[in-house]
Amino acid sequence: MPLSVRSLIADCVNQVIRQHYPEQYQSLCHVYAIVGSNLISIVLDRVYRPVAGLAAVDCGKGRLMCMMDNAAFTNPAGGAYHCWIESADDLIAEREVVDLTFRHNHEYAEKNGFGWHRELPPDYLWGPQSSIVVKAPPQAIPKSFPDGMVWLCETDEGWAWMMRQLAMHQNAFVALTAEAYKLFQQSLAPTSTLLAPAAPHIATPATVVMAAL
């Protein structure tokens, strides 16, 4: 898949969410994950799913921004956790991981007192799990990561919380997905045939997510 298609998907999801939530977008990783997994599934005619769990981001100078509050998923006050996207089919040998909020890491780190001491992060991460996710148990996470990598761990509590989000806000996620899809269509060259096989899926975009879980 051309890199430009990935960039276009990431940009369309980001534009739609920032338009609707101009003050909150940095903290809406679950919305990016749900809308993003829907749009990717539609465009690529594959199955991707939103994932919720724990994460750690390298802010530079040996400091990690840890989002490790698994109790947050059952706490009405919320807490520090993260959401991302994973492929959920067997069309490729290795699972893909996608993080469409990676572009906001430096802003989120500064806002929450961690500071940022690296180059600006890429707009998104998208690739095989082994090239994206740092492999380590929670008690032995290294203090620094290679560029373009992040520590992630899905939890049962995160999965249950994501299911509740999908059930409670399905109409909103369908509307946001439809907007992102429309923006994606408008951004394609007039001669593009990219969406020809997948276009019918837009009638019920929420089923893309629900079928994957």
N, C-alpha and C. Protein backbone atom coordinates (compact mmCIF):
# COMPACT_ATOMS: atom_id res chain seq x y z
N MET A 1 0.85 -1.19 0.00
CA MET A 1 0.00 0.00 0.00
C MET A 1 0.89 1.25 0.00
N PRO A 2 0.66 2.20 -0.89
CA PRO A 2 1.49 3.41 -0.92
C PRO A 2 1.41 4.17 0.40
N LEU A 3 2.54 4.72 0.80
CA LEU A 3 2.58 5.47 2.05
C LEU A 3 1.60 6.64 2.02
N SER A 4 1.38 7.22 0.82
CA SER A 4 0.49 8.36 0.72
C SER A 4 -0.93 8.01 1.14
N VAL A 5 -1.37 6.77 0.93
CA VAL A 5 -2.70 6.36 1.33
C VAL A 5 -2.79 6.32 2.85
N ARG A 6 -1.76 5.80 3.51
CA ARG A 6 -1.73 5.78 4.96
C ARG A 6 -1.78 7.21 5.51
N SER A 7 -0.99 8.08 4.93
CA SER A 7 -0.96 9.47 5.38
C SER A 7 -2.32 10.13 5.19
N LEU A 8 -2.97 9.84 4.09
CA LEU A 8 -4.28 10.42 3.81
C LEU A 8 -5.31 9.94 4.82
N ILE A 9 -5.29 8.66 5.14
CA ILE A 9 -6.20 8.13 6.16
C ILE A 9 -5.96 8.83 7.49
N ALA A 10 -4.69 8.91 7.91
CA ALA A 10 -4.35 9.53 9.18
C ALA A 10 -4.78 10.99 9.22
N ASP A 11 -4.56 11.71 8.13
CA ASP A 11 -4.90 13.13 8.10
C ASP A 11 -6.41 13.34 8.12
N CYS A 12 -7.16 12.51 7.42
CA CYS A 12 -8.62 12.66 7.39
C CYS A 12 -9.23 12.41 8.78
N VAL A 13 -8.76 11.37 9.45
CA VAL A 13 -9.25 11.09 10.80
C VAL A 13 -8.91 12.24 11.73
N ASN A 14 -7.68 12.73 11.63
CA ASN A 14 -7.24 13.84 12.50
C ASN A 14 -8.06 15.10 12.25
N GLN A 15 -8.30 15.43 10.99
CA GLN A 15 -9.05 16.64 10.66
C GLN A 15 -10.47 16.58 11.22
N VAL A 16 -11.13 15.45 11.05
CA VAL A 16 -12.52 15.34 11.49
C VAL A 16 -12.60 15.43 13.02
N ILE A 17 -11.73 14.74 13.71
CA ILE A 17 -11.80 14.75 15.18
C ILE A 17 -11.42 16.12 15.73
N ARG A 18 -10.42 16.75 15.16
CA ARG A 18 -10.04 18.09 15.65
C ARG A 18 -11.12 19.13 15.35
N GLN A 19 -11.84 18.95 14.26
CA GLN A 19 -12.92 19.87 13.94
C GLN A 19 -14.03 19.79 14.99
N HIS A 20 -14.35 18.58 15.41
CA HIS A 20 -15.44 18.39 16.38
C HIS A 20 -14.99 18.61 17.82
N TYR A 21 -13.72 18.35 18.11
CA TYR A 21 -13.22 18.44 19.48
C TYR A 21 -11.92 19.25 19.52
N PRO A 22 -11.97 20.53 19.19
CA PRO A 22 -10.75 21.34 19.07
C PRO A 22 -9.96 21.49 20.36
N GLU A 23 -10.60 21.33 21.50
CA GLU A 23 -9.90 21.47 22.78
C GLU A 23 -9.56 20.12 23.41
N GLN A 24 -10.20 19.06 22.97
CA GLN A 24 -10.07 17.76 23.65
C GLN A 24 -9.30 16.72 22.84
N TYR A 25 -8.97 17.00 21.60
CA TYR A 25 -8.46 15.97 20.70
C TYR A 25 -7.26 15.21 21.24
N GLN A 26 -6.41 15.88 22.05
CA GLN A 26 -5.22 15.23 22.57
C GLN A 26 -5.55 14.07 23.50
N SER A 27 -6.73 14.09 24.08
CA SER A 27 -7.12 13.07 25.06
C SER A 27 -8.16 12.10 24.52
N LEU A 28 -8.38 12.10 23.22
CA LEU A 28 -9.43 11.26 22.63
C LEU A 28 -8.84 10.12 21.81
N CYS A 29 -7.87 9.41 22.39
CA CYS A 29 -7.24 8.31 21.64
C CYS A 29 -8.25 7.24 21.26
N HIS A 30 -9.29 7.04 22.09
CA HIS A 30 -10.27 6.00 21.75
C HIS A 30 -11.10 6.39 20.53
N VAL A 31 -11.36 7.68 20.36
CA VAL A 31 -12.10 8.13 19.18
C VAL A 31 -11.24 7.94 17.93
N TYR A 32 -9.96 8.30 18.01
CA TYR A 32 -9.04 8.06 16.89
C TYR A 32 -8.99 6.57 16.56
N ALA A 33 -8.95 5.72 17.59
CA ALA A 33 -8.84 4.29 17.36
C ALA A 33 -10.09 3.73 16.70
N ILE A 34 -11.26 4.15 17.15
CA ILE A 34 -12.51 3.62 16.60
C ILE A 34 -12.76 4.14 15.19
N VAL A 35 -12.69 5.45 15.02
CA VAL A 35 -12.92 6.03 13.69
C VAL A 35 -11.83 5.58 12.72
N GLY A 36 -10.59 5.55 13.21
CA GLY A 36 -9.48 5.12 12.36
C GLY A 36 -9.61 3.68 11.92
N SER A 37 -9.97 2.78 12.84
CA SER A 37 -10.11 1.37 12.46
C SER A 37 -11.25 1.18 11.47
N ASN A 38 -12.33 1.94 11.63
CA ASN A 38 -13.42 1.89 10.66
C ASN A 38 -12.95 2.34 9.28
N LEU A 39 -12.28 3.48 9.21
CA LEU A 39 -11.88 4.03 7.92
C LEU A 39 -10.85 3.13 7.24
N ILE A 40 -9.88 2.64 8.00
CA ILE A 40 -8.88 1.75 7.42
C ILE A 40 -9.55 0.49 6.87
N SER A 41 -10.48 -0.08 7.64
CA SER A 41 -11.17 -1.29 7.20
C SER A 41 -11.94 -1.05 5.90
N ILE A 42 -12.58 0.10 5.80
CA ILE A 42 -13.35 0.43 4.59
C ILE A 42 -12.42 0.60 3.40
N VAL A 43 -11.37 1.39 3.57
CA VAL A 43 -10.49 1.70 2.45
C VAL A 43 -9.72 0.47 1.97
N LEU A 44 -9.22 -0.33 2.91
CA LEU A 44 -8.39 -1.48 2.54
C LEU A 44 -9.19 -2.76 2.35
N ASP A 45 -10.50 -2.73 2.68
CA ASP A 45 -11.34 -3.92 2.59
C ASP A 45 -10.75 -5.07 3.42
N ARG A 46 -10.29 -4.71 4.61
CA ARG A 46 -9.76 -5.67 5.57
C ARG A 46 -10.42 -5.39 6.93
N VAL A 47 -10.02 -6.12 7.97
CA VAL A 47 -10.61 -5.92 9.29
C VAL A 47 -9.56 -5.41 10.26
N TYR A 48 -9.81 -4.24 10.80
CA TYR A 48 -8.99 -3.65 11.85
C TYR A 48 -9.89 -3.36 13.04
N ARG A 49 -9.33 -3.37 14.25
CA ARG A 49 -10.13 -3.16 15.44
C ARG A 49 -9.47 -2.14 16.37
N PRO A 50 -10.29 -1.42 17.14
CA PRO A 50 -9.73 -0.51 18.16
C PRO A 50 -9.32 -1.31 19.39
N VAL A 51 -8.22 -0.92 20.00
CA VAL A 51 -7.65 -1.63 21.14
C VAL A 51 -7.44 -0.64 22.28
N ALA A 52 -7.68 -1.09 23.51
CA ALA A 52 -7.47 -0.23 24.68
C ALA A 52 -6.62 -0.97 25.70
N GLY A 53 -5.70 -0.24 26.32
CA GLY A 53 -4.84 -0.86 27.32
C GLY A 53 -3.85 0.12 27.89
N LEU A 54 -2.63 -0.35 28.10
CA LEU A 54 -1.58 0.44 28.73
C LEU A 54 -0.52 0.80 27.72
N ALA A 55 0.21 1.89 27.99
CA ALA A 55 1.23 2.34 27.05
C ALA A 55 2.33 3.10 27.77
N ALA A 56 3.49 3.15 27.12
CA ALA A 56 4.60 3.99 27.58
C ALA A 56 5.26 4.60 26.36
N VAL A 57 5.54 5.90 26.44
CA VAL A 57 6.13 6.65 25.33
C VAL A 57 7.45 7.25 25.79
N ASP A 58 8.46 7.14 24.98
CA ASP A 58 9.77 7.70 25.29
C ASP A 58 9.77 9.19 24.99
N CYS A 59 9.92 10.01 26.03
CA CYS A 59 9.94 11.47 25.87
C CYS A 59 11.36 12.02 25.70
N GLY A 60 12.34 11.16 25.78
CA GLY A 60 13.72 11.60 25.67
C GLY A 60 14.38 11.81 27.01
N LYS A 61 15.70 11.79 27.02
CA LYS A 61 16.50 11.98 28.23
C LYS A 61 16.13 10.98 29.33
N GLY A 62 15.82 9.76 28.93
CA GLY A 62 15.54 8.70 29.89
C GLY A 62 14.21 8.80 30.61
N ARG A 63 13.31 9.61 30.11
CA ARG A 63 12.02 9.79 30.78
C ARG A 63 10.91 9.19 29.93
N LEU A 64 10.09 8.36 30.58
CA LEU A 64 8.95 7.75 29.91
C LEU A 64 7.65 8.41 30.36
N MET A 65 6.76 8.59 29.41
CA MET A 65 5.40 9.00 29.74
C MET A 65 4.57 7.72 29.82
N CYS A 66 4.20 7.33 31.02
CA CYS A 66 3.51 6.06 31.24
C CYS A 66 2.01 6.28 31.40
N MET A 67 1.25 5.55 30.65
CA MET A 67 -0.21 5.54 30.74
C MET A 67 -0.60 4.14 31.16
N MET A 68 -0.50 3.88 32.48
CA MET A 68 -0.52 2.52 33.00
C MET A 68 -1.61 2.31 34.05
N ASP A 69 -2.65 3.13 34.02
CA ASP A 69 -3.69 3.04 35.03
C ASP A 69 -4.80 2.13 34.55
N ASN A 70 -4.64 0.83 34.75
CA ASN A 70 -5.64 -0.12 34.27
C ASN A 70 -6.96 0.04 35.01
N ALA A 71 -6.91 0.56 36.23
CA ALA A 71 -8.15 0.79 37.00
C ALA A 71 -8.99 1.91 36.39
N ALA A 72 -8.39 2.72 35.53
CA ALA A 72 -9.11 3.84 34.92
C ALA A 72 -10.29 3.36 34.09
N PHE A 73 -10.22 2.14 33.58
CA PHE A 73 -11.29 1.65 32.72
C PHE A 73 -12.59 1.39 33.47
N THR A 74 -12.52 1.28 34.77
CA THR A 74 -13.74 1.13 35.58
C THR A 74 -13.94 2.28 36.55
N ASN A 75 -13.14 3.32 36.40
CA ASN A 75 -13.22 4.49 37.28
C ASN A 75 -13.95 5.62 36.55
N PRO A 76 -15.08 6.10 37.04
CA PRO A 76 -15.81 7.18 36.37
C PRO A 76 -14.95 8.42 36.15
N ALA A 77 -13.95 8.64 36.99
CA ALA A 77 -13.08 9.81 36.85
C ALA A 77 -12.02 9.62 35.77
N GLY A 78 -11.91 8.39 35.24
CA GLY A 78 -10.93 8.14 34.19
C GLY A 78 -9.52 7.97 34.74
N GLY A 79 -8.54 8.15 33.87
CA GLY A 79 -7.15 7.99 34.27
C GLY A 79 -6.26 7.86 33.05
N ALA A 80 -5.05 7.38 33.26
CA ALA A 80 -4.05 7.34 32.19
C ALA A 80 -4.03 5.96 31.53
N TYR A 81 -4.54 5.89 30.31
CA TYR A 81 -4.51 4.67 29.50
C TYR A 81 -4.32 5.10 28.05
N HIS A 82 -4.31 4.13 27.14
CA HIS A 82 -4.12 4.49 25.74
C HIS A 82 -4.94 3.56 24.85
N CYS A 83 -5.26 4.05 23.65
CA CYS A 83 -5.98 3.26 22.66
C CYS A 83 -5.27 3.36 21.32
N TRP A 84 -5.30 2.27 20.57
CA TRP A 84 -4.65 2.22 19.27
C TRP A 84 -5.42 1.26 18.38
N ILE A 85 -4.86 0.86 17.26
CA ILE A 85 -5.53 0.04 16.26
C ILE A 85 -4.66 -1.17 15.94
N GLU A 86 -5.30 -2.32 15.74
CA GLU A 86 -4.58 -3.51 15.30
C GLU A 86 -5.36 -4.21 14.19
N SER A 87 -4.64 -4.85 13.27
CA SER A 87 -5.31 -5.67 12.27
C SER A 87 -5.90 -6.89 12.95
N ALA A 88 -7.02 -7.38 12.42
CA ALA A 88 -7.72 -8.49 13.07
C ALA A 88 -8.08 -9.59 12.08
N ASP A 89 -7.35 -9.68 11.00
CA ASP A 89 -7.56 -10.76 10.03
C ASP A 89 -6.25 -11.52 9.84
N ASP A 90 -6.26 -12.51 8.99
CA ASP A 90 -5.05 -13.31 8.77
C ASP A 90 -4.52 -13.15 7.35
N LEU A 91 -4.73 -11.96 6.78
CA LEU A 91 -4.30 -11.73 5.41
C LEU A 91 -2.81 -11.47 5.30
N ILE A 92 -2.16 -11.16 6.41
CA ILE A 92 -0.70 -11.00 6.42
C ILE A 92 -0.14 -11.84 7.55
N ALA A 93 1.16 -12.15 7.46
CA ALA A 93 1.77 -13.06 8.42
C ALA A 93 1.85 -12.48 9.82
N GLU A 94 2.05 -11.17 9.91
CA GLU A 94 2.22 -10.54 11.23
C GLU A 94 1.18 -9.45 11.45
N ARG A 95 0.67 -9.36 12.65
CA ARG A 95 -0.31 -8.35 12.99
C ARG A 95 0.25 -6.95 12.76
N GLU A 96 -0.60 -6.06 12.25
CA GLU A 96 -0.23 -4.65 12.08
C GLU A 96 -0.70 -3.84 13.27
N VAL A 97 0.08 -2.86 13.64
CA VAL A 97 -0.28 -1.92 14.70
C VAL A 97 -0.31 -0.52 14.10
N VAL A 98 -1.35 0.24 14.44
CA VAL A 98 -1.51 1.61 13.94
C VAL A 98 -1.82 2.52 15.12
N ASP A 99 -1.08 3.60 15.25
CA ASP A 99 -1.37 4.60 16.29
C ASP A 99 -1.49 5.96 15.60
N LEU A 100 -2.73 6.42 15.45
CA LEU A 100 -2.99 7.68 14.74
C LEU A 100 -2.84 8.90 15.63
N THR A 101 -2.60 8.72 16.92
CA THR A 101 -2.44 9.86 17.83
C THR A 101 -0.98 10.16 18.12
N PHE A 102 -0.07 9.45 17.49
CA PHE A 102 1.35 9.61 17.81
C PHE A 102 1.82 11.05 17.57
N ARG A 103 1.19 11.73 16.62
CA ARG A 103 1.55 13.11 16.30
C ARG A 103 1.35 14.05 17.49
N HIS A 104 0.48 13.66 18.44
CA HIS A 104 0.17 14.53 19.57
C HIS A 104 1.02 14.25 20.80
N ASN A 105 1.93 13.29 20.73
CA ASN A 105 2.66 12.88 21.93
C ASN A 105 3.42 14.03 22.58
N HIS A 106 4.06 14.86 21.77
CA HIS A 106 4.84 15.96 22.37
C HIS A 106 3.94 16.97 23.06
N GLU A 107 2.77 17.25 22.47
CA GLU A 107 1.82 18.17 23.10
C GLU A 107 1.28 17.59 24.40
N TYR A 108 0.91 16.32 24.35
CA TYR A 108 0.35 15.65 25.53
C TYR A 108 1.38 15.58 26.65
N ALA A 109 2.64 15.30 26.29
CA ALA A 109 3.70 15.21 27.29
C ALA A 109 3.95 16.56 27.96
N GLU A 110 4.00 17.61 27.17
CA GLU A 110 4.22 18.95 27.72
C GLU A 110 3.05 19.36 28.62
N LYS A 111 1.84 19.07 28.16
CA LYS A 111 0.64 19.46 28.90
C LYS A 111 0.56 18.76 30.25
N ASN A 112 1.10 17.54 30.32
CA ASN A 112 0.98 16.75 31.54
C ASN A 112 2.28 16.69 32.35
N GLY A 113 3.20 17.60 32.07
CA GLY A 113 4.37 17.76 32.90
C GLY A 113 5.52 16.81 32.67
N PHE A 114 5.49 16.05 31.58
CA PHE A 114 6.59 15.14 31.30
C PHE A 114 7.73 15.83 30.54
N GLY A 115 7.39 16.86 29.78
CA GLY A 115 8.38 17.47 28.91
C GLY A 115 8.61 16.61 27.69
N TRP A 116 9.23 17.19 26.67
CA TRP A 116 9.55 16.46 25.44
C TRP A 116 10.95 16.83 25.01
N HIS A 117 11.83 15.83 24.90
CA HIS A 117 13.25 16.07 24.63
C HIS A 117 13.75 15.28 23.43
N ARG A 118 12.86 14.99 22.50
CA ARG A 118 13.21 14.28 21.27
C ARG A 118 12.80 15.14 20.08
N GLU A 119 13.13 14.65 18.89
CA GLU A 119 12.59 15.28 17.70
C GLU A 119 11.06 15.14 17.72
N LEU A 120 10.39 16.00 16.98
CA LEU A 120 8.93 15.88 16.92
C LEU A 120 8.54 14.50 16.41
N PRO A 121 7.53 13.89 17.00
CA PRO A 121 7.15 12.54 16.58
C PRO A 121 6.53 12.54 15.19
N PRO A 122 6.56 11.39 14.51
CA PRO A 122 5.85 11.29 13.22
C PRO A 122 4.36 11.44 13.43
N ASP A 123 3.64 11.69 12.35
CA ASP A 123 2.20 11.89 12.46
C ASP A 123 1.47 10.64 12.93
N TYR A 124 2.00 9.48 12.65
CA TYR A 124 1.36 8.23 13.04
C TYR A 124 2.40 7.12 13.00
N LEU A 125 2.07 6.00 13.66
CA LEU A 125 2.82 4.76 13.52
C LEU A 125 1.94 3.76 12.80
N TRP A 126 2.55 3.00 11.88
CA TRP A 126 1.77 2.01 11.14
C TRP A 126 2.74 0.99 10.57
N GLY A 127 2.65 -0.22 11.05
CA GLY A 127 3.55 -1.25 10.54
C GLY A 127 3.40 -2.55 11.29
N PRO A 128 4.25 -3.54 10.98
CA PRO A 128 4.21 -4.82 11.70
C PRO A 128 4.45 -4.61 13.18
N GLN A 129 3.79 -5.41 14.00
CA GLN A 129 3.89 -5.26 15.44
C GLN A 129 5.34 -5.27 15.91
N SER A 130 6.17 -6.12 15.32
CA SER A 130 7.55 -6.25 15.78
C SER A 130 8.38 -5.00 15.52
N SER A 131 7.95 -4.17 14.58
CA SER A 131 8.71 -2.95 14.28
C SER A 131 8.14 -1.72 14.96
N ILE A 132 6.99 -1.87 15.63
CA ILE A 132 6.31 -0.75 16.28
C ILE A 132 6.34 -0.87 17.80
N VAL A 133 6.12 -2.07 18.31
CA VAL A 133 5.90 -2.27 19.74
C VAL A 133 7.16 -2.81 20.43
N VAL A 134 7.60 -2.12 21.47
CA VAL A 134 8.72 -2.58 22.29
C VAL A 134 8.27 -3.82 23.06
N LYS A 135 9.05 -4.89 22.94
CA LYS A 135 8.69 -6.14 23.60
C LYS A 135 9.35 -6.20 24.97
N ALA A 136 8.53 -6.10 26.02
CA ALA A 136 9.04 -6.15 27.39
C ALA A 136 7.88 -6.30 28.35
N PRO A 137 8.05 -7.02 29.46
CA PRO A 137 6.99 -7.07 30.47
C PRO A 137 6.87 -5.72 31.16
N PRO A 138 5.71 -5.43 31.77
CA PRO A 138 5.49 -4.12 32.39
C PRO A 138 6.55 -3.73 33.42
N GLN A 139 7.09 -4.70 34.13
CA GLN A 139 8.06 -4.40 35.18
C GLN A 139 9.48 -4.23 34.64
N ALA A 140 9.66 -4.43 33.33
CA ALA A 140 11.01 -4.32 32.76
C ALA A 140 11.03 -3.51 31.48
N ILE A 141 10.21 -2.47 31.42
CA ILE A 141 10.19 -1.61 30.24
C ILE A 141 11.49 -0.81 30.19
N PRO A 142 12.21 -0.81 29.07
CA PRO A 142 13.46 -0.03 29.00
C PRO A 142 13.19 1.46 29.13
N LYS A 143 14.23 2.21 29.50
CA LYS A 143 14.06 3.65 29.73
C LYS A 143 14.13 4.47 28.45
N SER A 144 14.48 3.85 27.36
CA SER A 144 14.47 4.56 26.08
C SER A 144 14.12 3.57 24.97
N PHE A 145 13.44 4.10 23.93
CA PHE A 145 13.01 3.28 22.81
C PHE A 145 13.65 3.78 21.52
N PRO A 146 13.82 2.92 20.54
CA PRO A 146 14.22 3.39 19.21
C PRO A 146 13.15 4.31 18.64
N ASP A 147 13.55 5.18 17.72
CA ASP A 147 12.59 6.07 17.07
C ASP A 147 11.48 5.24 16.42
N GLY A 148 10.25 5.74 16.54
CA GLY A 148 9.12 5.09 15.91
C GLY A 148 8.61 3.87 16.63
N MET A 149 8.96 3.71 17.91
CA MET A 149 8.47 2.57 18.67
C MET A 149 7.78 3.04 19.95
N VAL A 150 6.92 2.20 20.48
CA VAL A 150 6.14 2.51 21.67
C VAL A 150 5.88 1.21 22.41
N TRP A 151 5.70 1.27 23.72
CA TRP A 151 5.33 0.08 24.49
C TRP A 151 3.82 0.07 24.64
N LEU A 152 3.19 -1.07 24.29
CA LEU A 152 1.74 -1.21 24.34
C LEU A 152 1.36 -2.55 24.95
N CYS A 153 0.25 -2.57 25.65
CA CYS A 153 -0.25 -3.83 26.24
C CYS A 153 -1.77 -3.76 26.38
N GLU A 154 -2.48 -4.54 25.60
CA GLU A 154 -3.94 -4.62 25.74
C GLU A 154 -4.28 -5.33 27.04
N THR A 155 -5.38 -4.91 27.69
CA THR A 155 -5.83 -5.56 28.92
C THR A 155 -7.29 -5.97 28.78
N ASP A 156 -7.71 -6.92 29.62
CA ASP A 156 -9.10 -7.35 29.62
C ASP A 156 -10.02 -6.19 29.99
N GLU A 157 -9.58 -5.39 30.95
CA GLU A 157 -10.38 -4.22 31.36
C GLU A 157 -10.52 -3.22 30.22
N GLY A 158 -9.44 -3.05 29.46
CA GLY A 158 -9.49 -2.16 28.32
C GLY A 158 -10.43 -2.66 27.24
N TRP A 159 -10.41 -3.97 27.00
CA TRP A 159 -11.30 -4.56 26.00
C TRP A 159 -12.76 -4.35 26.40
N ALA A 160 -13.08 -4.61 27.66
CA ALA A 160 -14.46 -4.45 28.13
C ALA A 160 -14.89 -2.99 28.04
N TRP A 161 -14.00 -2.07 28.38
CA TRP A 161 -14.31 -0.64 28.31
C TRP A 161 -14.56 -0.22 26.86
N MET A 162 -13.74 -0.73 25.94
CA MET A 162 -13.92 -0.38 24.53
C MET A 162 -15.27 -0.88 24.03
N MET A 163 -15.68 -2.07 24.46
CA MET A 163 -16.99 -2.60 24.07
C MET A 163 -18.12 -1.69 24.55
N ARG A 164 -17.96 -1.18 25.77
CA ARG A 164 -18.99 -0.26 26.30
C ARG A 164 -19.03 1.03 25.50
N GLN A 165 -17.87 1.56 25.13
CA GLN A 165 -17.83 2.78 24.33
C GLN A 165 -18.54 2.59 23.00
N LEU A 166 -18.27 1.46 22.36
CA LEU A 166 -18.91 1.19 21.07
C LEU A 166 -20.42 1.07 21.20
N ALA A 167 -20.86 0.45 22.26
CA ALA A 167 -22.30 0.26 22.46
C ALA A 167 -23.00 1.57 22.81
N MET A 168 -22.37 2.39 23.65
CA MET A 168 -23.02 3.60 24.13
C MET A 168 -23.02 4.73 23.10
N HIS A 169 -22.00 4.77 22.24
CA HIS A 169 -21.83 5.92 21.35
C HIS A 169 -21.77 5.51 19.87
N GLN A 170 -22.44 4.43 19.54
CA GLN A 170 -22.34 3.91 18.18
C GLN A 170 -22.75 4.93 17.13
N ASN A 171 -23.85 5.65 17.35
CA ASN A 171 -24.31 6.61 16.34
C ASN A 171 -23.29 7.70 16.10
N ALA A 172 -22.66 8.17 17.16
CA ALA A 172 -21.64 9.22 17.01
C ALA A 172 -20.44 8.70 16.23
N PHE A 173 -20.02 7.47 16.49
CA PHE A 173 -18.87 6.91 15.77
C PHE A 173 -19.20 6.66 14.30
N VAL A 174 -20.44 6.26 14.02
CA VAL A 174 -20.86 6.10 12.63
C VAL A 174 -20.80 7.44 11.90
N ALA A 175 -21.29 8.49 12.54
CA ALA A 175 -21.29 9.82 11.91
C ALA A 175 -19.87 10.32 11.66
N LEU A 176 -18.99 10.16 12.64
CA LEU A 176 -17.60 10.59 12.47
C LEU A 176 -16.90 9.80 11.38
N THR A 177 -17.17 8.50 11.33
CA THR A 177 -16.57 7.67 10.28
C THR A 177 -17.05 8.11 8.91
N ALA A 178 -18.34 8.39 8.79
CA ALA A 178 -18.88 8.85 7.50
C ALA A 178 -18.23 10.15 7.06
N GLU A 179 -18.00 11.06 8.00
CA GLU A 179 -17.33 12.32 7.66
C GLU A 179 -15.90 12.08 7.20
N ALA A 180 -15.19 11.21 7.92
CA ALA A 180 -13.80 10.92 7.55
C ALA A 180 -13.73 10.24 6.19
N TYR A 181 -14.66 9.35 5.92
CA TYR A 181 -14.71 8.67 4.63
C TYR A 181 -14.99 9.66 3.50
N LYS A 182 -15.92 10.55 3.74
CA LYS A 182 -16.24 11.57 2.72
C LYS A 182 -15.03 12.45 2.44
N LEU A 183 -14.33 12.85 3.49
CA LEU A 183 -13.14 13.67 3.33
C LEU A 183 -12.07 12.90 2.56
N PHE A 184 -11.93 11.61 2.86
CA PHE A 184 -10.98 10.78 2.14
C PHE A 184 -11.32 10.72 0.65
N GLN A 185 -12.59 10.50 0.34
CA GLN A 185 -13.02 10.47 -1.05
C GLN A 185 -12.69 11.77 -1.77
N GLN A 186 -12.98 12.88 -1.10
CA GLN A 186 -12.75 14.19 -1.72
C GLN A 186 -11.27 14.47 -1.94
N SER A 187 -10.41 13.81 -1.17
CA SER A 187 -8.97 14.06 -1.26
C SER A 187 -8.29 13.22 -2.32
N LEU A 188 -8.99 12.23 -2.87
CA LEU A 188 -8.41 11.37 -3.89
C LEU A 188 -8.39 12.06 -5.25
N ALA A 189 -7.46 11.67 -6.07
CA ALA A 189 -7.41 12.17 -7.44
C ALA A 189 -8.66 11.71 -8.19
N PRO A 190 -9.18 12.52 -9.12
CA PRO A 190 -10.41 12.15 -9.85
C PRO A 190 -10.30 10.80 -10.55
N THR A 191 -9.10 10.40 -10.95
CA THR A 191 -8.94 9.14 -11.68
C THR A 191 -8.70 7.95 -10.76
N SER A 192 -8.67 8.16 -9.46
CA SER A 192 -8.37 7.08 -8.54
C SER A 192 -9.46 6.02 -8.54
N THR A 193 -9.06 4.75 -8.52
CA THR A 193 -10.00 3.64 -8.41
C THR A 193 -9.85 2.93 -7.07
N LEU A 194 -9.19 3.58 -6.12
CA LEU A 194 -8.87 2.95 -4.84
C LEU A 194 -10.10 2.44 -4.12
N LEU A 195 -11.19 3.22 -4.15
CA LEU A 195 -12.36 2.87 -3.35
C LEU A 195 -13.40 2.06 -4.11
N ALA A 196 -13.16 1.76 -5.35
CA ALA A 196 -14.18 1.06 -6.14
C ALA A 196 -14.66 -0.24 -5.51
N PRO A 197 -13.77 -1.12 -5.02
CA PRO A 197 -14.29 -2.37 -4.46
C PRO A 197 -14.92 -2.22 -3.09
N ALA A 198 -14.49 -1.18 -2.33
CA ALA A 198 -14.90 -1.10 -0.93
C ALA A 198 -16.02 -0.12 -0.65
N ALA A 199 -16.41 0.68 -1.62
CA ALA A 199 -17.37 1.75 -1.37
C ALA A 199 -18.67 1.31 -0.72
N PRO A 200 -19.25 0.14 -1.05
CA PRO A 200 -20.54 -0.23 -0.42
C PRO A 200 -20.50 -0.34 1.09
N HIS A 201 -19.32 -0.54 1.68
CA HIS A 201 -19.24 -0.70 3.13
C HIS A 201 -19.65 0.55 3.89
N ILE A 202 -19.63 1.71 3.27
CA ILE A 202 -19.89 2.94 4.00
C ILE A 202 -21.32 3.01 4.51
N ALA A 203 -22.20 2.17 3.99
CA ALA A 203 -23.60 2.20 4.44
C ALA A 203 -23.72 1.88 5.92
N THR A 204 -22.87 1.00 6.41
CA THR A 204 -22.91 0.65 7.83
C THR A 204 -21.50 0.55 8.38
N PRO A 205 -20.78 1.67 8.50
CA PRO A 205 -19.39 1.62 8.91
C PRO A 205 -19.18 1.03 10.29
N ALA A 206 -20.16 1.13 11.19
CA ALA A 206 -19.97 0.60 12.54
C ALA A 206 -19.81 -0.92 12.52
N THR A 207 -20.36 -1.58 11.50
CA THR A 207 -20.26 -3.04 11.46
C THR A 207 -18.84 -3.49 11.24
N VAL A 208 -18.00 -2.62 10.68
CA VAL A 208 -16.60 -2.96 10.50
C VAL A 208 -15.95 -3.24 11.84
N VAL A 209 -16.19 -2.35 12.79
CA VAL A 209 -15.63 -2.53 14.13
C VAL A 209 -16.30 -3.70 14.84
N MET A 210 -17.61 -3.76 14.81
CA MET A 210 -18.32 -4.77 15.58
C MET A 210 -17.99 -6.18 15.08
N ALA A 211 -17.74 -6.34 13.78
CA ALA A 211 -17.43 -7.66 13.24
C ALA A 211 -16.06 -8.13 13.66
N ALA A 212 -15.19 -7.19 14.05
CA ALA A 212 -13.83 -7.54 14.37
C ALA A 212 -13.67 -7.95 15.83
N LEU A 213 -14.67 -7.75 16.65
CA LEU A 213 -14.51 -7.92 18.08
C LEU A 213 -15.35 -9.08 18.63
